[in-house]
PDB file of N, CA and C in Angstrom:
ATOM      1  N   UNK A   1       0.758  -1.088  -0.141  1.00  0.00           N
ATOM      2  CA  UNK A   1      -0.061   0.336   0.181  1.00  0.00           C
ATOM      3  C   UNK A   1       0.951   0.846  -0.038  1.00  0.00           C
ATOM      4  N   UNK A   2       0.305   1.983  -0.443  1.00  0.00           N
ATOM      5  CA  UNK A   2       1.348   3.110  -0.788  1.00  0.00           C
ATOM      6  C   UNK A   2       1.046   4.190  -0.039  1.00  0.00           C
ATOM      7  N   UNK A   3       1.549   5.266   0.618  1.00  0.00           N
ATOM      8  CA  UNK A   3       1.706   6.209   1.815  1.00  0.00           C
ATOM      9  C   UNK A   3       0.708   7.501   0.664  1.00  0.00           C
ATOM     10  N   UNK A   4      -0.158   7.806   1.760  1.00  0.00           N
ATOM     11  CA  UNK A   4      -1.158   8.725   1.271  1.00  0.00           C
ATOM     12  C   UNK A   4      -0.061  10.323   1.156  1.00  0.00           C
ATOM     13  N   UNK A   5       1.107  10.233   1.574  1.00  0.00           N
ATOM     14  CA  UNK A   5       2.013  11.728   1.654  1.00  0.00           C
ATOM     15  C   UNK A   5       2.885  11.573   0.708  1.00  0.00           C
ATOM     16  N   UNK A   6       3.130  12.516   0.003  1.00  0.00           N
ATOM     17  CA  UNK A   6       4.265  12.729  -1.241  1.00  0.00           C
ATOM     18  C   UNK A   6       5.722  12.958  -0.334  1.00  0.00           C
ATOM     19  N   UNK A   7       6.463  12.539  -1.185  1.00  0.00           N
ATOM     20  CA  UNK A   7       7.808  12.959  -0.320  1.00  0.00           C
ATOM     21  C   UNK A   7       8.116  14.601  -0.442  1.00  0.00           C
ATOM     22  N   UNK A   8       8.697  14.794   0.560  1.00  0.00           N
ATOM     23  CA  UNK A   8       9.202  16.624   0.970  1.00  0.00           C
ATOM     24  C   UNK A   8      10.639  17.124  -0.049  1.00  0.00           C
ATOM     25  N   UNK A   9      10.300  17.710  -1.029  1.00  0.00           N
ATOM     26  CA  UNK A   9      11.557  17.812  -1.619  1.00  0.00           C
ATOM     27  C   UNK A   9      11.853  19.331  -1.133  1.00  0.00           C
ATOM     28  N   UNK A  10      13.229  19.318  -0.795  1.00  0.00           N
ATOM     29  CA  UNK A  10      13.389  21.113  -0.789  1.00  0.00           C
ATOM     30  C   UNK A  10      13.391  21.888  -1.514  1.00  0.00           C
ATOM     31  N   UNK A  11      13.265  23.100  -0.533  1.00  0.00           N
ATOM     32  CA  UNK A  11      12.959  24.285  -1.250  1.00  0.00           C
ATOM     33  C   UNK A  11      13.835  24.238  -2.485  1.00  0.00           C
ATOM     34  N   UNK A  12      13.604  24.885  -3.520  1.00  0.00           N
ATOM     35  CA  UNK A  12      14.278  25.513  -5.126  1.00  0.00           C
ATOM     36  C   UNK A  12      15.496  26.526  -4.319  1.00  0.00           C
ATOM     37  N   UNK A  13      16.636  26.040  -4.654  1.00  0.00           N
ATOM     38  CA  UNK A  13      18.012  27.191  -4.694  1.00  0.00           C
ATOM     39  C   UNK A  13      18.020  28.360  -6.006  1.00  0.00           C
ATOM     40  N   UNK A  14      17.382  27.838  -6.501  1.00  0.00           N
ATOM     41  CA  UNK A  14      17.463  28.793  -7.803  1.00  0.00           C
ATOM     42  C   UNK A  14      15.857  28.983  -8.603  1.00  0.00           C
ATOM     43  N   UNK A  15      15.331  30.414  -8.879  1.00  0.00           N
ATOM     44  CA  UNK A  15      14.184  30.452  -9.347  1.00  0.00           C
ATOM     45  C   UNK A  15      14.350  31.132 -10.834  1.00  0.00           C
ATOM     46  N   UNK A  16      13.418  31.280 -11.681  1.00  0.00           N
ATOM     47  CA  UNK A  16      13.250  31.378 -12.964  1.00  0.00           C
ATOM     48  C   UNK A  16      12.852  32.665 -12.956  1.00  0.00           C
ATOM     49  N   UNK A  17      12.818  33.647 -13.539  1.00  0.00           N
ATOM     50  CA  UNK A  17      11.771  34.846 -13.624  1.00  0.00           C
ATOM     51  C   UNK A  17      10.244  34.785 -13.138  1.00  0.00           C
ATOM     52  N   UNK A  18       9.990  33.825 -13.892  1.00  0.00           N
ATOM     53  CA  UNK A  18       8.490  33.879 -13.718  1.00  0.00           C
ATOM     54  C   UNK A  18       8.068  33.155 -12.032  1.00  0.00           C
ATOM     55  N   UNK A  19       9.349  32.457 -11.655  1.00  0.00           N
ATOM     56  CA  UNK A  19       8.760  32.476 -10.396  1.00  0.00           C
ATOM     57  C   UNK A  19       9.214  33.297  -9.377  1.00  0.00           C
ATOM     58  N   UNK A  20       9.719  33.856  -9.678  1.00  0.00           N
ATOM     59  CA  UNK A  20      10.649  35.219  -8.920  1.00  0.00           C
ATOM     60  C   UNK A  20       9.030  36.348  -9.109  1.00  0.00           C
ATOM     61  N   UNK A  21       8.623  36.509 -10.253  1.00  0.00           N
ATOM     62  CA  UNK A  21       7.476  36.753 -10.093  1.00  0.00           C
ATOM     63  C   UNK A  21       6.317  36.937  -9.035  1.00  0.00           C
ATOM     64  N   UNK A  22       6.021  35.824  -9.658  1.00  0.00           N
ATOM     65  CA  UNK A  22       4.880  34.837  -8.176  1.00  0.00           C
ATOM     66  C   UNK A  22       4.954  35.025  -7.110  1.00  0.00           C
ATOM     67  N   UNK A  23       6.136  34.735  -6.611  1.00  0.00           N
ATOM     68  CA  UNK A  23       6.384  34.718  -5.145  1.00  0.00           C
ATOM     69  C   UNK A  23       6.948  36.020  -4.550  1.00  0.00           C
ATOM     70  N   UNK A  24       8.056  36.559  -5.494  1.00  0.00           N
ATOM     71  CA  UNK A  24       8.103  37.885  -4.905  1.00  0.00           C
ATOM     72  C   UNK A  24       7.430  39.376  -5.945  1.00  0.00           C
ATOM     73  N   UNK A  25       6.745  39.477  -6.306  1.00  0.00           N
ATOM     74  CA  UNK A  25       5.789  40.396  -7.032  1.00  0.00           C
ATOM     75  C   UNK A  25       7.070  41.395  -8.101  1.00  0.00           C
ATOM     76  N   UNK A  26       8.070  40.771  -8.257  1.00  0.00           N
ATOM     77  CA  UNK A  26       8.972  41.533  -9.080  1.00  0.00           C
ATOM     78  C   UNK A  26       8.712  41.041 -10.481  1.00  0.00           C
ATOM     79  N   UNK A  27       8.219  42.288 -11.361  1.00  0.00           N
ATOM     80  CA  UNK A  27       7.789  41.695 -12.955  1.00  0.00           C
ATOM     81  C   UNK A  27       8.690  41.244 -13.721  1.00  0.00           C
ATOM     82  N   UNK A  28       8.279  40.226 -14.416  1.00  0.00           N
ATOM     83  CA  UNK A  28       9.548  39.841 -15.331  1.00  0.00           C
ATOM     84  C   UNK A  28      10.084  40.930 -16.572  1.00  0.00           C
ATOM     85  N   UNK A  29       9.070  42.004 -16.857  1.00  0.00           N
ATOM     86  CA  UNK A  29       9.920  43.061 -17.472  1.00  0.00           C
ATOM     87  C   UNK A  29      10.852  43.769 -16.345  1.00  0.00           C
ATOM     88  N   UNK A  30      10.214  44.102 -15.322  1.00  0.00           N
ATOM     89  CA  UNK A  30      11.043  45.123 -14.383  1.00  0.00           C
ATOM     90  C   UNK A  30      12.313  43.710 -13.829  1.00  0.00           C
ATOM     91  N   UNK A  31      13.028  42.502 -13.924  1.00  0.00           N
ATOM     92  CA  UNK A  31      13.805  42.127 -13.726  1.00  0.00           C
ATOM     93  C   UNK A  31      14.353  41.999 -15.171  1.00  0.00           C
ATOM     94  N   UNK A  32      14.068  41.692 -16.146  1.00  0.00           N
ATOM     95  CA  UNK A  32      14.588  41.787 -17.864  1.00  0.00           C
ATOM     96  C   UNK A  32      15.355  43.346 -17.671  1.00  0.00           C
ATOM     97  N   UNK A  33      14.709  44.451 -17.284  1.00  0.00           N
ATOM     98  CA  UNK A  33      15.196  45.634 -17.305  1.00  0.00           C
ATOM     99  C   UNK A  33      16.528  45.774 -16.141  1.00  0.00           C
ATOM    100  N   UNK A  34      16.338  45.737 -15.309  1.00  0.00           N
ATOM    101  CA  UNK A  34      17.337  45.318 -14.123  1.00  0.00           C
ATOM    102  C   UNK A  34      18.511  45.014 -14.776  1.00  0.00           C
ATOM    103  N   UNK A  35      18.411  43.588 -15.256  1.00  0.00           N
ATOM    104  CA  UNK A  35      19.606  43.082 -15.602  1.00  0.00           C
ATOM    105  C   UNK A  35      19.912  43.661 -16.866  1.00  0.00           C
ATOM    106  N   UNK A  36      19.462  44.230 -17.753  1.00  0.00           N
ATOM    107  CA  UNK A  36      20.108  45.170 -18.674  1.00  0.00           C
ATOM    108  C   UNK A  36      21.293  46.480 -18.295  1.00  0.00           C
ATOM    109  N   UNK A  37      20.604  46.874 -17.060  1.00  0.00           N
ATOM    110  CA  UNK A  37      21.006  48.312 -16.137  1.00  0.00           C
ATOM    111  C   UNK A  37      22.030  47.646 -15.417  1.00  0.00           C
ATOM    112  N   UNK A  38      21.860  46.501 -14.502  1.00  0.00           N
ATOM    113  CA  UNK A  38      22.823  46.570 -13.872  1.00  0.00           C
ATOM    114  C   UNK A  38      22.568  46.452 -12.425  1.00  0.00           C
ATOM    115  N   UNK A  39      21.584  46.565 -12.310  1.00  0.00           N
ATOM    116  CA  UNK A  39      20.896  47.359 -10.987  1.00  0.00           C
ATOM    117  C   UNK A  39      19.768  46.446 -10.267  1.00  0.00           C
ATOM    118  N   UNK A  40      19.746  45.438 -10.780  1.00  0.00           N
ATOM    119  CA  UNK A  40      18.607  44.240 -10.357  1.00  0.00           C
ATOM    120  C   UNK A  40      19.235  43.325  -9.318  1.00  0.00           C
ATOM    121  N   UNK A  41      18.704  42.203  -8.781  1.00  0.00           N
ATOM    122  CA  UNK A  41      19.191  41.372  -8.085  1.00  0.00           C
ATOM    123  C   UNK A  41      20.231  40.586  -8.893  1.00  0.00           C
ATOM    124  N   UNK A  42      21.179  39.860  -8.190  1.00  0.00           N
ATOM    125  CA  UNK A  42      22.357  39.053  -8.947  1.00  0.00           C
ATOM    126  C   UNK A  42      21.766  37.829  -9.935  1.00  0.00           C
ATOM    127  N   UNK A  43      22.005  37.473 -11.036  1.00  0.00           N
ATOM    128  CA  UNK A  43      22.000  36.311 -11.679  1.00  0.00           C
ATOM    129  C   UNK A  43      22.614  35.477 -12.181  1.00  0.00           C
ATOM    130  N   UNK A  44      21.889  34.581 -12.885  1.00  0.00           N
ATOM    131  CA  UNK A  44      23.564  33.388 -13.402  1.00  0.00           C
ATOM    132  C   UNK A  44      22.498  33.320 -14.964  1.00  0.00           C
ATOM    133  N   UNK A  45      23.528  33.056 -16.176  1.00  0.00           N
ATOM    134  CA  UNK A  45      22.784  32.538 -16.891  1.00  0.00           C
ATOM    135  C   UNK A  45      23.615  31.176 -17.232  1.00  0.00           C
ATOM    136  N   UNK A  46      22.888  30.432 -17.389  1.00  0.00           N
ATOM    137  CA  UNK A  46      23.628  29.269 -17.494  1.00  0.00           C
ATOM    138  C   UNK A  46      23.945  28.966 -19.165  1.00  0.00           C
ATOM    139  N   UNK A  47      22.824  29.283 -19.953  1.00  0.00           N
ATOM    140  CA  UNK A  47      22.662  28.787 -21.472  1.00  0.00           C
ATOM    141  C   UNK A  47      22.054  30.852 -21.690  1.00  0.00           C
ATOM    142  N   UNK A  48      22.227  30.272 -23.015  1.00  0.00           N
ATOM    143  CA  UNK A  48      21.611  31.422 -24.028  1.00  0.00           C
ATOM    144  C   UNK A  48      20.407  31.895 -23.347  1.00  0.00           C
ATOM    145  N   UNK A  49      19.261  31.372 -23.167  1.00  0.00           N
ATOM    146  CA  UNK A  49      18.192  32.096 -22.966  1.00  0.00           C
ATOM    147  C   UNK A  49      17.682  31.695 -21.414  1.00  0.00           C
ATOM    148  N   UNK A  50      18.395  30.547 -20.736  1.00  0.00           N
ATOM    149  CA  UNK A  50      18.032  30.320 -19.126  1.00  0.00           C
ATOM    150  C   UNK A  50      18.414  31.321 -18.303  1.00  0.00           C
ATOM    151  N   UNK A  51      17.717  31.888 -17.656  1.00  0.00           N
ATOM    152  CA  UNK A  51      18.173  33.037 -16.447  1.00  0.00           C
ATOM    153  C   UNK A  51      17.672  32.516 -15.234  1.00  0.00           C
ATOM    154  N   UNK A  52      18.446  32.302 -14.175  1.00  0.00           N
ATOM    155  CA  UNK A  52      17.956  32.138 -13.116  1.00  0.00           C
ATOM    156  C   UNK A  52      18.757  33.094 -11.515  1.00  0.00           C
ATOM    157  N   UNK A  53      17.799  32.970 -10.809  1.00  0.00           N
ATOM    158  CA  UNK A  53      18.081  34.094  -9.445  1.00  0.00           C
ATOM    159  C   UNK A  53      18.223  32.565  -8.448  1.00  0.00           C
ATOM    160  N   UNK A  54      19.654  33.047  -7.802  1.00  0.00           N
ATOM    161  CA  UNK A  54      19.700  32.002  -6.476  1.00  0.00           C
ATOM    162  C   UNK A  54      18.527  33.059  -5.326  1.00  0.00           C
ATOM    163  N   UNK A  55      17.794  31.951  -4.827  1.00  0.00           N
ATOM    164  CA  UNK A  55      16.997  32.597  -3.529  1.00  0.00           C
ATOM    165  C   UNK A  55      17.803  33.099  -2.752  1.00  0.00           C
ATOM    166  N   UNK A  56      18.834  33.143  -2.398  1.00  0.00           N
ATOM    167  CA  UNK A  56      19.668  33.226  -1.156  1.00  0.00           C
ATOM    168  C   UNK A  56      19.680  34.729  -1.335  1.00  0.00           C
ATOM    169  N   UNK A  57      20.610  35.130  -2.625  1.00  0.00           N
ATOM    170  CA  UNK A  57      20.954  36.245  -3.283  1.00  0.00           C
ATOM    171  C   UNK A  57      19.758  37.404  -3.276  1.00  0.00           C
ATOM    172  N   UNK A  58      18.888  36.671  -3.711  1.00  0.00           N
ATOM    173  CA  UNK A  58      17.218  37.313  -4.053  1.00  0.00           C
ATOM    174  C   UNK A  58      17.039  38.292  -2.873  1.00  0.00           C
ATOM    175  N   UNK A  59      17.077  37.059  -1.791  1.00  0.00           N
ATOM    176  CA  UNK A  59      16.228  37.705  -0.593  1.00  0.00           C
ATOM    177  C   UNK A  59      17.628  38.805   0.597  1.00  0.00           C
ATOM    178  N   UNK A  60      18.256  38.322  -0.530  1.00  0.00           N
ATOM    179  CA  UNK A  60      19.588  39.243   0.445  1.00  0.00           C
ATOM    180  C   UNK A  60      19.721  40.723  -0.472  1.00  0.00           C
ATOM    181  N   UNK A  61      19.361  40.702  -1.474  1.00  0.00           N
ATOM    182  CA  UNK A  61      19.283  42.006  -2.503  1.00  0.00           C
ATOM    183  C   UNK A  61      18.137  42.759  -1.889  1.00  0.00           C
ATOM    184  N   UNK A  62      17.040  41.676  -1.515  1.00  0.00           N
ATOM    185  CA  UNK A  62      15.916  42.690  -1.510  1.00  0.00           C
ATOM    186  C   UNK A  62      15.656  43.110   0.309  1.00  0.00           C
ATOM    187  N   UNK A  63      16.361  42.577   0.529  1.00  0.00           N
ATOM    188  CA  UNK A  63      16.958  43.158   2.582  1.00  0.00           C
ATOM    189  C   UNK A  63      17.580  44.425   2.511  1.00  0.00           C
ATOM    190  N   UNK A  64      18.368  44.275   1.350  1.00  0.00           N
ATOM    191  CA  UNK A  64      19.564  45.733   1.469  1.00  0.00           C
ATOM    192  C   UNK A  64      18.369  47.014   1.055  1.00  0.00           C
ATOM    193  N   UNK A  65      17.019  46.666   0.380  1.00  0.00           N
ATOM    194  CA  UNK A  65      16.137  47.719  -0.108  1.00  0.00           C
ATOM    195  C   UNK A  65      15.148  47.801   1.068  1.00  0.00           C
ATOM    196  N   UNK A  66      15.075  47.304   1.976  1.00  0.00           N
ATOM    197  CA  UNK A  66      14.298  47.127   2.854  1.00  0.00           C
ATOM    198  C   UNK A  66      14.322  48.796   3.499  1.00  0.00           C
ATOM    199  N   UNK A  67      12.898  49.489   3.521  1.00  0.00           N
ATOM    200  CA  UNK A  67      13.010  51.180   4.015  1.00  0.00           C
ATOM    201  C   UNK A  67      11.796  51.322   4.819  1.00  0.00           C
ATOM    202  N   UNK A  68      11.999  51.731   5.973  1.00  0.00           N
ATOM    203  CA  UNK A  68      10.931  52.027   7.349  1.00  0.00           C
ATOM    204  C   UNK A  68       9.655  53.249   6.767  1.00  0.00           C
ATOM    205  N   UNK A  69      10.323  54.176   5.763  1.00  0.00           N
ATOM    206  CA  UNK A  69       9.633  55.411   5.302  1.00  0.00           C
ATOM    207  C   UNK A  69       9.675  55.412   3.732  1.00  0.00           C
ATOM    208  N   UNK A  70       8.944  56.536   3.228  1.00  0.00           N
ATOM    209  CA  UNK A  70       9.213  56.669   1.836  1.00  0.00           C
ATOM    210  C   UNK A  70      10.410  57.578   1.752  1.00  0.00           C
ATOM    211  N   UNK A  71      10.737  58.452   2.644  1.00  0.00           N
ATOM    212  CA  UNK A  71      11.721  59.497   2.281  1.00  0.00           C
ATOM    213  C   UNK A  71      13.037  58.933   2.969  1.00  0.00           C
ATOM    214  N   UNK A  72      12.999  57.636   3.590  1.00  0.00           N
ATOM    215  CA  UNK A  72      14.267  57.027   3.756  1.00  0.00           C
ATOM    216  C   UNK A  72      14.976  56.606   2.433  1.00  0.00           C
ATOM    217  N   UNK A  73      16.225  57.021   2.755  1.00  0.00           N
ATOM    218  CA  UNK A  73      17.200  56.945   1.635  1.00  0.00           C
ATOM    219  C   UNK A  73      18.237  56.006   1.383  1.00  0.00           C
ATOM    220  N   UNK A  74      17.958  55.063   2.154  1.00  0.00           N
ATOM    221  CA  UNK A  74      18.547  53.815   2.612  1.00  0.00           C
ATOM    222  C   UNK A  74      20.155  54.071   2.436  1.00  0.00           C
ATOM    223  N   UNK A  75      20.859  52.975   2.890  1.00  0.00           N
ATOM    224  CA  UNK A  75      21.836  53.557   3.284  1.00  0.00           C
ATOM    225  C   UNK A  75      23.275  53.390   2.149  1.00  0.00           C
ATOM    226  N   UNK A  76      24.032  54.675   2.102  1.00  0.00           N
ATOM    227  CA  UNK A  76      24.647  54.929   1.024  1.00  0.00           C
ATOM    228  C   UNK A  76      25.705  54.211   0.580  1.00  0.00           C
ATOM    229  N   UNK A  77      25.593  54.185  -1.014  1.00  0.00           N
ATOM    230  CA  UNK A  77      26.674  52.838  -1.784  1.00  0.00           C
ATOM    231  C   UNK A  77      27.593  53.704  -2.126  1.00  0.00           C
TER     232      UNK A  77
END
């Protein structure tokens, strides 16, 4: 008899742009423009058409941009 529970898979280490959009609300268009400008989250491009974002690096990038008010300029870079 098979168990009713599926095995637990580890959380993904890398996400594709559509997954980043679904989980974090950053649109694919924003991510593409940010890649071109060089001011977006770090990404990996293992092939000509495949773009991947490390969950760890993406969350660190987002944490660096956390603000407590609209007039908070954030840390000086």
